[in-house]
Amino acid sequence: MRIVSVRDLEAGMVCAKDVATLDGRKLLKAGSKLCPSNLRTLKAWGIGQIEILSQDQPSIRVVHATPDQKIRETALKVQQQVRQRLRHNDVLCSEVRMAVRVIENQLLKEAAS
């Protein structure tokens, strides 16, 4: 296994470990072969690096990927701000949850660039 920056990932590489967001949402399973949409997803969620399998290494272990520190800090601030602003709303409402995800993703993209 080797750790590779998301910027250096290529379609066809294979994840050595599960990749998850800060809140534990699984983005990719260990053993997943990366495709262009996976690469966009990893960038959108602020994942900085993941472990991939080397050509000669078939074993797979499950761990969370580590986003870059700046993006991690930004993600936590965004989550806190969104929760504070929506504290009087029904956050169980699917439309509100969807809006929160859109806002969080947009802010994370801005932080990553």
C-alpha atoms as a PDB file:
ATOM      1  CA  MET A   1       0.000   0.000   0.000  1.00  0.00           C
ATOM      2  CA  ARG A   2       1.009   3.554  -0.486  1.00  0.00           C
ATOM      3  CA  ILE A   3      -0.548   6.875   0.428  1.00  0.00           C
ATOM      4  CA  VAL A   4      -1.404   9.016  -2.573  1.00  0.00           C
ATOM      5  CA  SER A   5      -2.634  12.608  -2.671  1.00  0.00           C
ATOM      6  CA  VAL A   6      -6.069  12.975  -4.261  1.00  0.00           C
ATOM      7  CA  ARG A   7      -4.445  15.323  -6.796  1.00  0.00           C
ATOM      8  CA  ASP A   8      -2.216  12.437  -7.941  1.00  0.00           C
ATOM      9  CA  LEU A   9      -4.868   9.711  -8.093  1.00  0.00           C
ATOM     10  CA  GLU A  10      -5.741   8.200 -11.449  1.00  0.00           C
ATOM     11  CA  ALA A  11      -8.672   6.208 -12.707  1.00  0.00           C
ATOM     12  CA  GLY A  12      -7.962   2.494 -12.388  1.00  0.00           C
ATOM     13  CA  MET A  13      -6.120   2.700  -9.072  1.00  0.00           C
ATOM     14  CA  VAL A  14      -7.571   0.504  -6.283  1.00  0.00           C
ATOM     15  CA  CYS A  15      -8.422   1.706  -2.757  1.00  0.00           C
ATOM     16  CA  ALA A  16      -6.535  -0.223  -0.104  1.00  0.00           C
ATOM     17  CA  LYS A  17      -8.886   0.875   2.680  1.00  0.00           C
ATOM     18  CA  ASP A  18     -12.396   2.225   3.058  1.00  0.00           C
ATOM     19  CA  VAL A  19     -12.595   5.977   2.475  1.00  0.00           C
ATOM     20  CA  ALA A  20     -14.978   7.908   4.743  1.00  0.00           C
ATOM     21  CA  THR A  21     -15.879  11.519   5.495  1.00  0.00           C
ATOM     22  CA  LEU A  22     -15.228  13.198   8.831  1.00  0.00           C
ATOM     23  CA  ASP A  23     -18.670  12.166  10.044  1.00  0.00           C
ATOM     24  CA  GLY A  24     -18.119   8.539   9.044  1.00  0.00           C
ATOM     25  CA  ARG A  25     -20.063   8.474   5.762  1.00  0.00           C
ATOM     26  CA  LYS A  26     -18.426   5.846   3.592  1.00  0.00           C
ATOM     27  CA  LEU A  27     -17.465   7.187   0.185  1.00  0.00           C
ATOM     28  CA  LEU A  28     -15.604   4.173  -1.193  1.00  0.00           C
ATOM     29  CA  LYS A  29     -15.133   0.600  -0.048  1.00  0.00           C
ATOM     30  CA  ALA A  30     -11.747  -1.040   0.210  1.00  0.00           C
ATOM     31  CA  GLY A  31     -10.991  -2.739  -3.088  1.00  0.00           C
ATOM     32  CA  SER A  32     -12.910  -0.179  -5.154  1.00  0.00           C
ATOM     33  CA  LYS A  33     -11.377   0.597  -8.515  1.00  0.00           C
ATOM     34  CA  LEU A  34     -11.269   4.383  -8.941  1.00  0.00           C
ATOM     35  CA  CYS A  35     -13.140   5.998 -11.810  1.00  0.00           C
ATOM     36  CA  PRO A  36     -13.363   9.707 -12.760  1.00  0.00           C
ATOM     37  CA  SER A  37     -16.562  10.225 -10.747  1.00  0.00           C
ATOM     38  CA  ASN A  38     -14.863   8.738  -7.647  1.00  0.00           C
ATOM     39  CA  LEU A  39     -12.043  11.249  -8.047  1.00  0.00           C
ATOM     40  CA  ARG A  40     -14.539  14.138  -8.207  1.00  0.00           C
ATOM     41  CA  THR A  41     -16.347  12.802  -5.126  1.00  0.00           C
ATOM     42  CA  LEU A  42     -13.133  12.584  -3.102  1.00  0.00           C
ATOM     43  CA  LYS A  43     -12.230  16.165  -4.005  1.00  0.00           C
ATOM     44  CA  ALA A  44     -15.742  17.435  -3.258  1.00  0.00           C
ATOM     45  CA  TRP A  45     -15.673  15.898   0.230  1.00  0.00           C
ATOM     46  CA  GLY A  46     -12.245  17.339   0.978  1.00  0.00           C
ATOM     47  CA  ILE A  47     -10.359  14.075   1.156  1.00  0.00           C
ATOM     48  CA  GLY A  48      -6.661  14.937   0.901  1.00  0.00           C
ATOM     49  CA  GLN A  49      -5.131  11.501   0.487  1.00  0.00           C
ATOM     50  CA  ILE A  50      -6.003   7.828   0.467  1.00  0.00           C
ATOM     51  CA  GLU A  51      -4.148   4.555   0.548  1.00  0.00           C
ATOM     52  CA  ILE A  52      -4.106   2.608  -2.656  1.00  0.00           C
ATOM     53  CA  LEU A  53      -2.963  -0.916  -3.390  1.00  0.00           C
ATOM     54  CA  SER A  54       0.384  -1.391  -5.048  1.00  0.00           C
ATOM     55  CA  GLN A  55       0.389  -3.669  -8.053  1.00  0.00           C
ATOM     56  CA  ASP A  56       1.886  -6.503  -6.002  1.00  0.00           C
ATOM     57  CA  GLN A  57      -0.208  -6.033  -2.858  1.00  0.00           C
ATOM     58  CA  PRO A  58      -3.632  -7.724  -2.771  1.00  0.00           C
ATOM     59  CA  SER A  59      -4.388  -7.301   0.973  1.00  0.00           C
ATOM     60  CA  ILE A  60      -7.053  -4.836   2.124  1.00  0.00           C
ATOM     61  CA  ARG A  61      -7.533  -3.179   5.534  1.00  0.00           C
ATOM     62  CA  VAL A  62     -10.311  -0.769   6.573  1.00  0.00           C
ATOM     63  CA  VAL A  63      -9.478   2.720   7.926  1.00  0.00           C
ATOM     64  CA  HIS A  64     -10.675   6.272   7.371  1.00  0.00           C
ATOM     65  CA  ALA A  65      -8.866   8.557   4.943  1.00  0.00           C
ATOM     66  CA  THR A  66      -7.456  11.774   6.395  1.00  0.00           C
ATOM     67  CA  PRO A  67      -8.493  15.061   4.797  1.00  0.00           C
ATOM     68  CA  ASP A  68      -6.004  17.911   4.697  1.00  0.00           C
ATOM     69  CA  GLN A  69      -5.902  19.782   8.022  1.00  0.00           C
ATOM     70  CA  LYS A  70      -7.209  23.055   6.542  1.00  0.00           C
ATOM     71  CA  ILE A  71     -10.191  21.304   5.013  1.00  0.00           C
ATOM     72  CA  ARG A  72     -10.859  19.369   8.226  1.00  0.00           C
ATOM     73  CA  GLU A  73     -10.935  22.610  10.229  1.00  0.00           C
ATOM     74  CA  THR A  74     -13.167  24.261   7.640  1.00  0.00           C
ATOM     75  CA  ALA A  75     -15.538  21.290   7.591  1.00  0.00           C
ATOM     76  CA  LEU A  76     -15.946  21.406  11.365  1.00  0.00           C
ATOM     77  CA  LYS A  77     -16.578  25.168  11.294  1.00  0.00           C
ATOM     78  CA  VAL A  78     -19.124  24.752   8.505  1.00  0.00           C
ATOM     79  CA  GLN A  79     -20.959  22.005  10.382  1.00  0.00           C
ATOM     80  CA  GLN A  80     -21.077  24.151  13.534  1.00  0.00           C
ATOM     81  CA  GLN A  81     -22.317  27.216  11.645  1.00  0.00           C
ATOM     82  CA  VAL A  82     -24.992  25.264   9.784  1.00  0.00           C
ATOM     83  CA  ARG A  83     -26.235  23.603  12.977  1.00  0.00           C
ATOM     84  CA  GLN A  84     -26.299  26.968  14.770  1.00  0.00           C
ATOM     85  CA  ARG A  85     -28.243  28.654  11.976  1.00  0.00           C
ATOM     86  CA  LEU A  86     -30.721  25.781  11.668  1.00  0.00           C
ATOM     87  CA  ARG A  87     -31.151  25.105  15.391  1.00  0.00           C
ATOM     88  CA  HIS A  88     -34.815  26.203  15.262  1.00  0.00           C
ATOM     89  CA  ASN A  89     -35.640  24.265  12.097  1.00  0.00           C
ATOM     90  CA  ASP A  90     -36.627  20.665  11.666  1.00  0.00           C
ATOM     91  CA  VAL A  91     -33.272  19.229  10.566  1.00  0.00           C
ATOM     92  CA  LEU A  92     -34.954  15.888   9.983  1.00  0.00           C
ATOM     93  CA  CYS A  93     -36.774  17.367   7.017  1.00  0.00           C
ATOM     94  CA  SER A  94     -35.219  15.869   3.883  1.00  0.00           C
ATOM     95  CA  GLU A  95     -35.171  19.211   2.058  1.00  0.00           C
ATOM     96  CA  VAL A  96     -33.255  20.849   4.910  1.00  0.00           C
ATOM     97  CA  ARG A  97     -30.778  17.948   5.060  1.00  0.00           C
ATOM     98  CA  MET A  98     -30.228  18.212   1.312  1.00  0.00           C
ATOM     99  CA  ALA A  99     -29.713  21.988   1.528  1.00  0.00           C
ATOM    100  CA  VAL A 100     -27.212  21.495   4.356  1.00  0.00           C
ATOM    101  CA  ARG A 101     -25.212  19.015   2.271  1.00  0.00           C
ATOM    102  CA  VAL A 102     -25.187  21.367  -0.707  1.00  0.00           C
ATOM    103  CA  ILE A 103     -23.975  24.272   1.457  1.00  0.00           C
ATOM    104  CA  GLU A 104     -21.326  22.152   3.179  1.00  0.00           C
ATOM    105  CA  ASN A 105     -20.049  20.790  -0.142  1.00  0.00           C
ATOM    106  CA  GLN A 106     -19.860  24.275  -1.673  1.00  0.00           C
ATOM    107  CA  LEU A 107     -17.941  25.668   1.292  1.00  0.00           C
ATOM    108  CA  LEU A 108     -15.579  22.699   1.285  1.00  0.00           C
ATOM    109  CA  LYS A 109     -14.913  23.147  -2.436  1.00  0.00           C
ATOM    110  CA  GLU A 110     -14.128  26.812  -1.846  1.00  0.00           C
ATOM    111  CA  ALA A 111     -11.759  25.904   1.011  1.00  0.00           C
ATOM    112  CA  ALA A 112      -9.999  23.285  -1.111  1.00  0.00           C
ATOM    113  CA  SER A 113      -9.238  25.673  -3.956  1.00  0.00           C
END
